[in-house]
Amino acid sequence: MSAGARLSVATICFDGFGDEDFVPTFELAPQLGVADLEINAWYGRNLTPSGLDGLAGRCRHAGLRPATLQVSPFAPGPDAADLTREVSRWLWLVEAAHRLDVGVIKATGSARDTRGGLSSLVDLLRTIAPVAEQHGLTLVLENHVGNVIEHPDDYREIFAAVPSSALKVCLDTGHFVASGHDPATVAAELGERVTHIDLKDCAGPGPGQFVRFGEGVVDFDAVLAQAITPGWSGFVVVELPLVDRATVIADLQAGVQIASRHLPPHNNPQPVT
């Protein structure tokens, strides 16, 4: 086990994909016993100055810690104006991370063969990765089925073109299975680049049918044993998209138990000063 490994839970687990103003998160998350929170900030009002201040204050009140920030996908395009708009967005996201006192921003890419494809994403990362480095931030790139960031080869191409220490891998177990990959094998292939692991179960290869922990085919123990080596530092995020709020705590506790076999004991929520 690594002392640098931390357990987190994503707001998507409580809110789902709709704009719930995080009300279910702040009602339910403290019951789970995981203090670190990945904030899925997908709506404009979440990222205004007042929205960010409100999120930080609500976390303090609930005894939760903003740990990482997930934002809308990287959205470059085939021309200079598209790139300029996206760079401008990311400059504000760097500021948003500082306002929440988090060191990790997570995003996936656009659908494959859209917005200029992988080459446009590379152009964007060449521009924003040095900014992230200057601010001590890590940008974790999350794989998604059907996405420009989907396969191990996509990561290899990105890292060869942009050899920045600020760029790391978010290994989403469910999405790699959906894309036809064994996530434990991917963890071995990408090695120390993997600093963020999204725990998600999947019914099998295909469009992405994500199910409760234990109802799919992901071998979580194999993935975590491969990825979390001595000295590993990063986040393991319980990220089951909301199934049923009536069972959400039990659903997520199953993921917490899986992670806890490979992580140091996590802290129960307590007031954050």
C-alpha atoms as a PDB file:
ATOM      1  CA  MET A   1       0.000   0.000   0.000  1.00  0.00           C
ATOM      2  CA  SER A   2       1.140   3.547  -0.696  1.00  0.00           C
ATOM      3  CA  ALA A   3       0.667   6.413   1.714  1.00  0.00           C
ATOM      4  CA  GLY A   4       0.224   8.655  -1.326  1.00  0.00           C
ATOM      5  CA  ALA A   5      -2.837   6.743  -2.516  1.00  0.00           C
ATOM      6  CA  ARG A   6      -6.148   8.394  -1.677  1.00  0.00           C
ATOM      7  CA  LEU A   7      -9.744   7.252  -1.910  1.00  0.00           C
ATOM      8  CA  SER A   8     -12.351   9.579  -3.377  1.00  0.00           C
ATOM      9  CA  VAL A   9     -15.965   9.494  -4.516  1.00  0.00           C
ATOM     10  CA  ALA A  10     -17.438  11.372  -7.463  1.00  0.00           C
ATOM     11  CA  THR A  11     -20.467  13.652  -7.270  1.00  0.00           C
ATOM     12  CA  ILE A  12     -21.908  11.818 -10.286  1.00  0.00           C
ATOM     13  CA  CYS A  13     -22.552   8.895  -7.950  1.00  0.00           C
ATOM     14  CA  PHE A  14     -25.158  10.941  -6.074  1.00  0.00           C
ATOM     15  CA  ASP A  15     -26.357  13.508  -8.632  1.00  0.00           C
ATOM     16  CA  GLY A  16     -26.341  11.495 -11.829  1.00  0.00           C
ATOM     17  CA  PHE A  17     -25.859  13.432 -15.056  1.00  0.00           C
ATOM     18  CA  GLY A  18     -28.461  16.132 -14.421  1.00  0.00           C
ATOM     19  CA  ASP A  19     -27.897  19.572 -12.924  1.00  0.00           C
ATOM     20  CA  GLU A  20     -28.992  18.909  -9.349  1.00  0.00           C
ATOM     21  CA  ASP A  21     -26.948  21.802  -7.892  1.00  0.00           C
ATOM     22  CA  PHE A  22     -25.140  19.051  -5.908  1.00  0.00           C
ATOM     23  CA  VAL A  23     -28.032  18.831  -3.466  1.00  0.00           C
ATOM     24  CA  PRO A  24     -28.050  14.992  -3.398  1.00  0.00           C
ATOM     25  CA  THR A  25     -24.250  14.977  -3.053  1.00  0.00           C
ATOM     26  CA  PHE A  26     -24.176  17.157   0.035  1.00  0.00           C
ATOM     27  CA  GLU A  27     -27.087  15.279   1.567  1.00  0.00           C
ATOM     28  CA  LEU A  28     -25.768  11.770   0.946  1.00  0.00           C
ATOM     29  CA  ALA A  29     -21.985  11.844   0.558  1.00  0.00           C
ATOM     30  CA  PRO A  30     -21.203  12.392   4.261  1.00  0.00           C
ATOM     31  CA  GLN A  31     -23.007   9.101   4.983  1.00  0.00           C
ATOM     32  CA  LEU A  32     -20.482   7.164   2.906  1.00  0.00           C
ATOM     33  CA  GLY A  33     -17.496   7.869   5.121  1.00  0.00           C
ATOM     34  CA  VAL A  34     -15.174   9.093   2.343  1.00  0.00           C
ATOM     35  CA  ALA A  35     -13.941  12.635   2.858  1.00  0.00           C
ATOM     36  CA  ASP A  36     -12.367  13.329  -0.557  1.00  0.00           C
ATOM     37  CA  LEU A  37     -14.778  14.428  -3.267  1.00  0.00           C
ATOM     38  CA  GLU A  38     -14.358  14.539  -7.029  1.00  0.00           C
ATOM     39  CA  ILE A  39     -16.499  17.418  -8.235  1.00  0.00           C
ATOM     40  CA  ASN A  40     -18.112  16.886 -11.650  1.00  0.00           C
ATOM     41  CA  ALA A  41     -18.447  20.541 -12.684  1.00  0.00           C
ATOM     42  CA  TRP A  42     -20.298  20.204 -15.957  1.00  0.00           C
ATOM     43  CA  TYR A  43     -22.652  23.175 -15.799  1.00  0.00           C
ATOM     44  CA  GLY A  44     -21.764  26.807 -16.305  1.00  0.00           C
ATOM     45  CA  ARG A  45     -22.966  28.037 -12.947  1.00  0.00           C
ATOM     46  CA  ASN A  46     -20.700  25.510 -11.181  1.00  0.00           C
ATOM     47  CA  LEU A  47     -17.653  27.329 -12.563  1.00  0.00           C
ATOM     48  CA  THR A  48     -18.532  30.973 -11.954  1.00  0.00           C
ATOM     49  CA  PRO A  49     -16.666  32.676  -9.083  1.00  0.00           C
ATOM     50  CA  SER A  50     -19.767  32.507  -6.907  1.00  0.00           C
ATOM     51  CA  GLY A  51     -20.393  28.889  -7.919  1.00  0.00           C
ATOM     52  CA  LEU A  52     -16.866  27.872  -6.960  1.00  0.00           C
ATOM     53  CA  ASP A  53     -17.012  29.749  -3.669  1.00  0.00           C
ATOM     54  CA  GLY A  54     -20.348  28.089  -2.922  1.00  0.00           C
ATOM     55  CA  LEU A  55     -18.953  24.627  -3.625  1.00  0.00           C
ATOM     56  CA  ALA A  56     -15.960  25.213  -1.357  1.00  0.00           C
ATOM     57  CA  GLY A  57     -18.183  26.466   1.455  1.00  0.00           C
ATOM     58  CA  ARG A  58     -20.659  23.610   1.128  1.00  0.00           C
ATOM     59  CA  CYS A  59     -17.800  21.097   1.257  1.00  0.00           C
ATOM     60  CA  ARG A  60     -16.519  22.650   4.478  1.00  0.00           C
ATOM     61  CA  HIS A  61     -20.004  22.592   5.988  1.00  0.00           C
ATOM     62  CA  ALA A  62     -20.463  18.901   5.055  1.00  0.00           C
ATOM     63  CA  GLY A  63     -17.012  17.837   6.266  1.00  0.00           C
ATOM     64  CA  LEU A  64     -15.894  16.982   2.728  1.00  0.00           C
ATOM     65  CA  ARG A  65     -12.726  17.964   0.866  1.00  0.00           C
ATOM     66  CA  PRO A  66     -12.646  18.988  -2.795  1.00  0.00           C
ATOM     67  CA  ALA A  67     -10.049  16.545  -4.105  1.00  0.00           C
ATOM     68  CA  THR A  68     -10.221  16.658  -7.893  1.00  0.00           C
ATOM     69  CA  LEU A  69     -12.205  18.553 -10.501  1.00  0.00           C
ATOM     70  CA  GLN A  70     -13.779  16.861 -13.520  1.00  0.00           C
ATOM     71  CA  VAL A  71     -14.802  19.203 -16.307  1.00  0.00           C
ATOM     72  CA  SER A  72     -16.460  18.944 -19.708  1.00  0.00           C
ATOM     73  CA  PRO A  73     -14.424  17.169 -22.399  1.00  0.00           C
ATOM     74  CA  PHE A  74     -11.491  18.730 -24.169  1.00  0.00           C
ATOM     75  CA  ALA A  75     -13.091  20.453 -27.165  1.00  0.00           C
ATOM     76  CA  PRO A  76     -10.474  21.673 -29.645  1.00  0.00           C
ATOM     77  CA  GLY A  77     -11.328  22.089 -33.282  1.00  0.00           C
ATOM     78  CA  PRO A  78      -9.773  22.151 -36.720  1.00  0.00           C
ATOM     79  CA  ASP A  79      -9.013  25.885 -36.883  1.00  0.00           C
ATOM     80  CA  ALA A  80      -7.196  28.525 -34.868  1.00  0.00           C
ATOM     81  CA  ALA A  81     -10.349  30.142 -33.499  1.00  0.00           C
ATOM     82  CA  ASP A  82     -11.478  26.835 -32.003  1.00  0.00           C
ATOM     83  CA  LEU A  83      -8.101  26.366 -30.348  1.00  0.00           C
ATOM     84  CA  THR A  84      -8.127  29.918 -28.966  1.00  0.00           C
ATOM     85  CA  ARG A  85     -11.546  29.463 -27.393  1.00  0.00           C
ATOM     86  CA  GLU A  86     -10.528  26.190 -25.781  1.00  0.00           C
ATOM     87  CA  VAL A  87      -7.237  27.562 -24.466  1.00  0.00           C
ATOM     88  CA  SER A  88      -9.175  30.436 -22.908  1.00  0.00           C
ATOM     89  CA  ARG A  89     -11.528  27.980 -21.207  1.00  0.00           C
ATOM     90  CA  TRP A  90      -8.619  26.042 -19.759  1.00  0.00           C
ATOM     91  CA  LEU A  91      -6.950  29.160 -18.430  1.00  0.00           C
ATOM     92  CA  TRP A  92     -10.061  29.755 -16.341  1.00  0.00           C
ATOM     93  CA  LEU A  93     -10.193  26.097 -15.282  1.00  0.00           C
ATOM     94  CA  VAL A  94      -6.679  26.485 -13.871  1.00  0.00           C
ATOM     95  CA  GLU A  95      -8.004  29.359 -11.774  1.00  0.00           C
ATOM     96  CA  ALA A  96     -11.049  27.290 -10.786  1.00  0.00           C
ATOM     97  CA  ALA A  97      -8.782  24.526  -9.508  1.00  0.00           C
ATOM     98  CA  HIS A  98      -6.900  27.017  -7.361  1.00  0.00           C
ATOM     99  CA  ARG A  99     -10.137  28.417  -5.937  1.00  0.00           C
ATOM    100  CA  LEU A 100     -11.176  24.910  -4.908  1.00  0.00           C
ATOM    101  CA  ASP A 101      -7.648  24.106  -3.691  1.00  0.00           C
ATOM    102  CA  VAL A 102      -7.388  20.986  -5.845  1.00  0.00           C
ATOM    103  CA  GLY A 103      -4.344  19.824  -7.733  1.00  0.00           C
ATOM    104  CA  VAL A 104      -5.937  17.594 -10.367  1.00  0.00           C
ATOM    105  CA  ILE A 105      -8.249  18.442 -13.267  1.00  0.00           C
ATOM    106  CA  LYS A 106      -9.794  15.533 -15.155  1.00  0.00           C
ATOM    107  CA  ALA A 107     -11.306  15.515 -18.630  1.00  0.00           C
ATOM    108  CA  THR A 108     -11.909  13.112 -21.453  1.00  0.00           C
ATOM    109  CA  GLY A 109     -11.855  13.948 -25.139  1.00  0.00           C
ATOM    110  CA  SER A 110     -14.480  14.516 -27.786  1.00  0.00           C
ATOM    111  CA  ALA A 111     -16.086  11.747 -29.807  1.00  0.00           C
ATOM    112  CA  ARG A 112     -13.626  10.077 -32.134  1.00  0.00           C
ATOM    113  CA  ASP A 113     -13.233  11.755 -35.552  1.00  0.00           C
ATOM    114  CA  THR A 114     -14.840  14.999 -34.338  1.00  0.00           C
ATOM    115  CA  ARG A 115     -13.347  18.434 -33.494  1.00  0.00           C
ATOM    116  CA  GLY A 116     -10.184  17.751 -35.444  1.00  0.00           C
ATOM    117  CA  GLY A 117      -9.491  14.361 -33.901  1.00  0.00           C
ATOM    118  CA  LEU A 118      -6.430  13.425 -31.897  1.00  0.00           C
ATOM    119  CA  SER A 119      -4.127  15.857 -33.693  1.00  0.00           C
ATOM    120  CA  SER A 120      -6.226  18.831 -32.553  1.00  0.00           C
ATOM    121  CA  LEU A 121      -6.228  17.529 -28.990  1.00  0.00           C
ATOM    122  CA  VAL A 122      -2.439  17.271 -29.167  1.00  0.00           C
ATOM    123  CA  ASP A 123      -2.231  20.901 -30.341  1.00  0.00           C
ATOM    124  CA  LEU A 124      -4.362  21.966 -27.367  1.00  0.00           C
ATOM    125  CA  LEU A 125      -2.315  19.958 -24.866  1.00  0.00           C
ATOM    126  CA  ARG A 126       0.922  21.414 -26.224  1.00  0.00           C
ATOM    127  CA  THR A 127      -0.454  24.843 -25.300  1.00  0.00           C
ATOM    128  CA  ILE A 128      -2.049  24.177 -21.916  1.00  0.00           C
ATOM    129  CA  ALA A 129       0.293  21.561 -20.434  1.00  0.00           C
ATOM    130  CA  PRO A 130       3.071  24.118 -19.778  1.00  0.00           C
ATOM    131  CA  VAL A 131       0.529  26.312 -17.988  1.00  0.00           C
ATOM    132  CA  ALA A 132      -0.522  23.398 -15.802  1.00  0.00           C
ATOM    133  CA  GLU A 133       3.148  22.689 -15.027  1.00  0.00           C
ATOM    134  CA  GLN A 134       3.752  26.302 -14.004  1.00  0.00           C
ATOM    135  CA  HIS A 135       0.804  26.144 -11.610  1.00  0.00           C
ATOM    136  CA  GLY A 136       1.668  22.758 -10.149  1.00  0.00           C
ATOM    137  CA  LEU A 137      -1.452  21.117 -11.586  1.00  0.00           C
ATOM    138  CA  THR A 138      -1.932  17.654 -13.044  1.00  0.00           C
ATOM    139  CA  LEU A 139      -4.207  17.114 -16.033  1.00  0.00           C
ATOM    140  CA  VAL A 140      -5.490  13.526 -16.091  1.00  0.00           C
ATOM    141  CA  LEU A 141      -6.819  12.289 -19.423  1.00  0.00           C
ATOM    142  CA  GLU A 142      -9.737   9.910 -19.050  1.00  0.00           C
ATOM    143  CA  ASN A 143     -10.480   7.146 -21.529  1.00  0.00           C
ATOM    144  CA  HIS A 144     -14.041   6.746 -22.840  1.00  0.00           C
ATOM    145  CA  VAL A 145     -15.522   4.239 -25.246  1.00  0.00           C
ATOM    146  CA  GLY A 146     -15.960   5.798 -28.700  1.00  0.00           C
ATOM    147  CA  ASN A 147     -13.726   8.710 -27.732  1.00  0.00           C
ATOM    148  CA  VAL A 148     -10.608  10.274 -29.162  1.00  0.00           C
ATOM    149  CA  ILE A 149      -8.975   9.054 -25.922  1.00  0.00           C
ATOM    150  CA  GLU A 150     -10.064   5.416 -25.935  1.00  0.00           C
ATOM    151  CA  HIS A 151      -7.173   3.027 -26.544  1.00  0.00           C
ATOM    152  CA  PRO A 152      -3.660   2.678 -25.086  1.00  0.00           C
ATOM    153  CA  ASP A 153      -2.258   3.715 -28.463  1.00  0.00           C
ATOM    154  CA  ASP A 154      -4.087   7.055 -28.160  1.00  0.00           C
ATOM    155  CA  TYR A 155      -2.259   7.725 -24.899  1.00  0.00           C
ATOM    156  CA  ARG A 156       1.060   6.683 -26.365  1.00  0.00           C
ATOM    157  CA  GLU A 157       0.606   9.087 -29.281  1.00  0.00           C
ATOM    158  CA  ILE A 158      -0.316  11.940 -26.932  1.00  0.00           C
ATOM    159  CA  PHE A 159       2.633  11.380 -24.586  1.00  0.00           C
ATOM    160  CA  ALA A 160       5.085  11.055 -27.479  1.00  0.00           C
ATOM    161  CA  ALA A 161       3.904  14.390 -28.879  1.00  0.00           C
ATOM    162  CA  VAL A 162       3.535  16.200 -25.534  1.00  0.00           C
ATOM    163  CA  PRO A 163       6.145  14.864 -23.066  1.00  0.00           C
ATOM    164  CA  SER A 164       4.885  16.991 -20.192  1.00  0.00           C
ATOM    165  CA  SER A 165       5.065  15.969 -16.546  1.00  0.00           C
ATOM    166  CA  ALA A 166       1.645  17.600 -16.075  1.00  0.00           C
ATOM    167  CA  LEU A 167      -0.131  15.021 -18.271  1.00  0.00           C
ATOM    168  CA  LYS A 168      -1.177  11.738 -16.676  1.00  0.00           C
ATOM    169  CA  VAL A 169      -3.653   8.904 -17.250  1.00  0.00           C
ATOM    170  CA  CYS A 170      -7.061   8.542 -15.671  1.00  0.00           C
ATOM    171  CA  LEU A 171      -7.705   4.827 -16.096  1.00  0.00           C
ATOM    172  CA  ASP A 172     -11.453   4.227 -16.184  1.00  0.00           C
ATOM    173  CA  THR A 173     -11.895   0.490 -15.648  1.00  0.00           C
ATOM    174  CA  GLY A 174     -15.417   0.301 -17.040  1.00  0.00           C
ATOM    175  CA  HIS A 175     -14.690   2.251 -20.194  1.00  0.00           C
ATOM    176  CA  PHE A 176     -11.583   0.193 -20.996  1.00  0.00           C
ATOM    177  CA  VAL A 177     -13.661  -2.985 -20.746  1.00  0.00           C
ATOM    178  CA  ALA A 178     -16.318  -1.394 -22.973  1.00  0.00           C
ATOM    179  CA  SER A 179     -13.570  -0.628 -25.499  1.00  0.00           C
ATOM    180  CA  GLY A 180     -12.390  -4.234 -25.477  1.00  0.00           C
ATOM    181  CA  HIS A 181      -9.319  -3.885 -23.253  1.00  0.00           C
ATOM    182  CA  ASP A 182      -8.261  -5.582 -20.032  1.00  0.00           C
ATOM    183  CA  PRO A 183      -7.711  -2.642 -17.658  1.00  0.00           C
ATOM    184  CA  ALA A 184      -5.092  -4.533 -15.628  1.00  0.00           C
ATOM    185  CA  THR A 185      -3.056  -5.031 -18.808  1.00  0.00           C
ATOM    186  CA  VAL A 186      -3.493  -1.347 -19.663  1.00  0.00           C
ATOM    187  CA  ALA A 187      -2.295  -0.398 -16.174  1.00  0.00           C
ATOM    188  CA  ALA A 188       0.852  -2.439 -16.775  1.00  0.00           C
ATOM    189  CA  GLU A 189       1.401  -0.932 -20.228  1.00  0.00           C
ATOM    190  CA  LEU A 190       0.976   2.700 -19.168  1.00  0.00           C
ATOM    191  CA  GLY A 191       2.847   2.225 -15.922  1.00  0.00           C
ATOM    192  CA  GLU A 192       3.720   5.311 -13.879  1.00  0.00           C
ATOM    193  CA  ARG A 193       1.608   7.547 -16.114  1.00  0.00           C
ATOM    194  CA  VAL A 194      -1.474   6.141 -14.337  1.00  0.00           C
ATOM    195  CA  THR A 195      -2.124   8.414 -11.351  1.00  0.00           C
ATOM    196  CA  HIS A 196      -5.931   8.369 -11.311  1.00  0.00           C
ATOM    197  CA  ILE A 197      -8.172   5.297 -11.363  1.00  0.00           C
ATOM    198  CA  ASP A 198     -11.934   5.449 -11.828  1.00  0.00           C
ATOM    199  CA  LEU A 199     -13.533   2.335 -10.370  1.00  0.00           C
ATOM    200  CA  LYS A 200     -16.489   1.426 -12.552  1.00  0.00           C
ATOM    201  CA  ASP A 201     -17.924  -1.982 -13.392  1.00  0.00           C
ATOM    202  CA  CYS A 202     -19.119  -2.883 -16.884  1.00  0.00           C
ATOM    203  CA  ALA A 203     -21.235  -5.692 -18.305  1.00  0.00           C
ATOM    204  CA  GLY A 204     -18.713  -6.306 -21.104  1.00  0.00           C
ATOM    205  CA  PRO A 205     -17.390  -4.936 -24.390  1.00  0.00           C
ATOM    206  CA  GLY A 206     -19.777  -2.675 -26.269  1.00  0.00           C
ATOM    207  CA  PRO A 207     -21.275   0.784 -25.954  1.00  0.00           C
ATOM    208  CA  GLY A 208     -20.774   0.927 -22.196  1.00  0.00           C
ATOM    209  CA  GLN A 209     -23.332  -0.749 -19.937  1.00  0.00           C
ATOM    210  CA  PHE A 210     -22.170   0.224 -16.463  1.00  0.00           C
ATOM    211  CA  VAL A 211     -23.522  -1.786 -13.560  1.00  0.00           C
ATOM    212  CA  ARG A 212     -23.238  -2.068  -9.800  1.00  0.00           C
ATOM    213  CA  PHE A 213     -19.924  -3.303  -8.406  1.00  0.00           C
ATOM    214  CA  GLY A 214     -19.752  -7.077  -8.707  1.00  0.00           C
ATOM    215  CA  GLU A 215     -22.415  -7.304 -11.424  1.00  0.00           C
ATOM    216  CA  GLY A 216     -19.947  -6.821 -14.278  1.00  0.00           C
ATOM    217  CA  VAL A 217     -16.709  -8.351 -15.487  1.00  0.00           C
ATOM    218  CA  VAL A 218     -14.029  -5.947 -14.186  1.00  0.00           C
ATOM    219  CA  ASP A 219     -11.318  -7.637 -12.102  1.00  0.00           C
ATOM    220  CA  PHE A 220     -10.744  -4.723  -9.736  1.00  0.00           C
ATOM    221  CA  ASP A 221      -8.202  -6.520  -7.575  1.00  0.00           C
ATOM    222  CA  ALA A 222      -6.041  -7.254 -10.602  1.00  0.00           C
ATOM    223  CA  VAL A 223      -6.189  -3.622 -11.755  1.00  0.00           C
ATOM    224  CA  LEU A 224      -5.383  -2.136  -8.357  1.00  0.00           C
ATOM    225  CA  ALA A 225      -2.644  -4.651  -7.589  1.00  0.00           C
ATOM    226  CA  GLN A 226      -0.997  -3.778 -10.901  1.00  0.00           C
ATOM    227  CA  ALA A 227      -1.372  -0.004 -10.620  1.00  0.00           C
ATOM    228  CA  ILE A 228      -0.776   0.696  -6.932  1.00  0.00           C
ATOM    229  CA  THR A 229       2.880  -0.111  -6.502  1.00  0.00           C
ATOM    230  CA  PRO A 230       5.018   0.992  -3.531  1.00  0.00           C
ATOM    231  CA  GLY A 231       5.338   4.759  -3.679  1.00  0.00           C
ATOM    232  CA  TRP A 232       2.294   5.186  -5.945  1.00  0.00           C
ATOM    233  CA  SER A 233       0.585   8.517  -5.452  1.00  0.00           C
ATOM    234  CA  GLY A 234      -2.820   9.323  -6.849  1.00  0.00           C
ATOM    235  CA  PHE A 235      -6.566   8.959  -6.482  1.00  0.00           C
ATOM    236  CA  VAL A 236      -8.788   5.913  -6.652  1.00  0.00           C
ATOM    237  CA  VAL A 237     -12.263   7.266  -7.347  1.00  0.00           C
ATOM    238  CA  VAL A 238     -15.468   5.337  -6.737  1.00  0.00           C
ATOM    239  CA  GLU A 239     -17.388   6.394  -9.841  1.00  0.00           C
ATOM    240  CA  LEU A 240     -20.581   4.399 -10.266  1.00  0.00           C
ATOM    241  CA  PRO A 241     -23.056   6.596 -12.156  1.00  0.00           C
ATOM    242  CA  LEU A 242     -26.226   6.929 -10.102  1.00  0.00           C
ATOM    243  CA  VAL A 243     -28.413   3.813 -10.277  1.00  0.00           C
ATOM    244  CA  ASP A 244     -30.945   4.344  -7.486  1.00  0.00           C
ATOM    245  CA  ARG A 245     -30.749   6.900  -4.680  1.00  0.00           C
ATOM    246  CA  ALA A 246     -32.598   4.492  -2.410  1.00  0.00           C
ATOM    247  CA  THR A 247     -29.611   2.118  -2.534  1.00  0.00           C
ATOM    248  CA  VAL A 248     -26.789   4.528  -3.339  1.00  0.00           C
ATOM    249  CA  ILE A 249     -24.863   4.200  -0.069  1.00  0.00           C
ATOM    250  CA  ALA A 250     -24.853   0.392  -0.204  1.00  0.00           C
ATOM    251  CA  ASP A 251     -23.984   0.517  -3.925  1.00  0.00           C
ATOM    252  CA  LEU A 252     -20.994   2.761  -3.277  1.00  0.00           C
ATOM    253  CA  GLN A 253     -19.860   0.948  -0.144  1.00  0.00           C
ATOM    254  CA  ALA A 254     -19.226  -2.056  -2.382  1.00  0.00           C
ATOM    255  CA  GLY A 255     -16.735   0.062  -4.334  1.00  0.00           C
ATOM    256  CA  VAL A 256     -15.192   1.457  -1.162  1.00  0.00           C
ATOM    257  CA  GLN A 257     -14.617  -2.082   0.100  1.00  0.00           C
ATOM    258  CA  ILE A 258     -12.876  -3.043  -3.143  1.00  0.00           C
ATOM    259  CA  ALA A 259     -10.583  -0.014  -3.002  1.00  0.00           C
ATOM    260  CA  SER A 260      -9.867  -0.442   0.694  1.00  0.00           C
ATOM    261  CA  ARG A 261      -8.189  -3.783   0.056  1.00  0.00           C
ATOM    262  CA  HIS A 262      -5.409  -1.868  -1.728  1.00  0.00           C
ATOM    263  CA  LEU A 263      -5.340   1.537  -0.003  1.00  0.00           C
ATOM    264  CA  PRO A 264      -4.371   2.882   3.397  1.00  0.00           C
ATOM    265  CA  PRO A 265      -7.349   3.384   5.729  1.00  0.00           C
ATOM    266  CA  HIS A 266      -9.357   6.362   4.509  1.00  0.00           C
ATOM    267  CA  ASN A 267     -10.489   9.113   6.819  1.00  0.00           C
ATOM    268  CA  ASN A 268     -14.100   9.536   7.814  1.00  0.00           C
ATOM    269  CA  PRO A 269     -15.568  12.956   6.957  1.00  0.00           C
ATOM    270  CA  GLN A 270     -14.801  15.611   9.539  1.00  0.00           C
ATOM    271  CA  PRO A 271     -14.950  19.400   9.501  1.00  0.00           C
ATOM    272  CA  VAL A 272     -12.373  20.941   7.207  1.00  0.00           C
ATOM    273  CA  THR A 273     -10.677  24.085   8.482  1.00  0.00           C
END
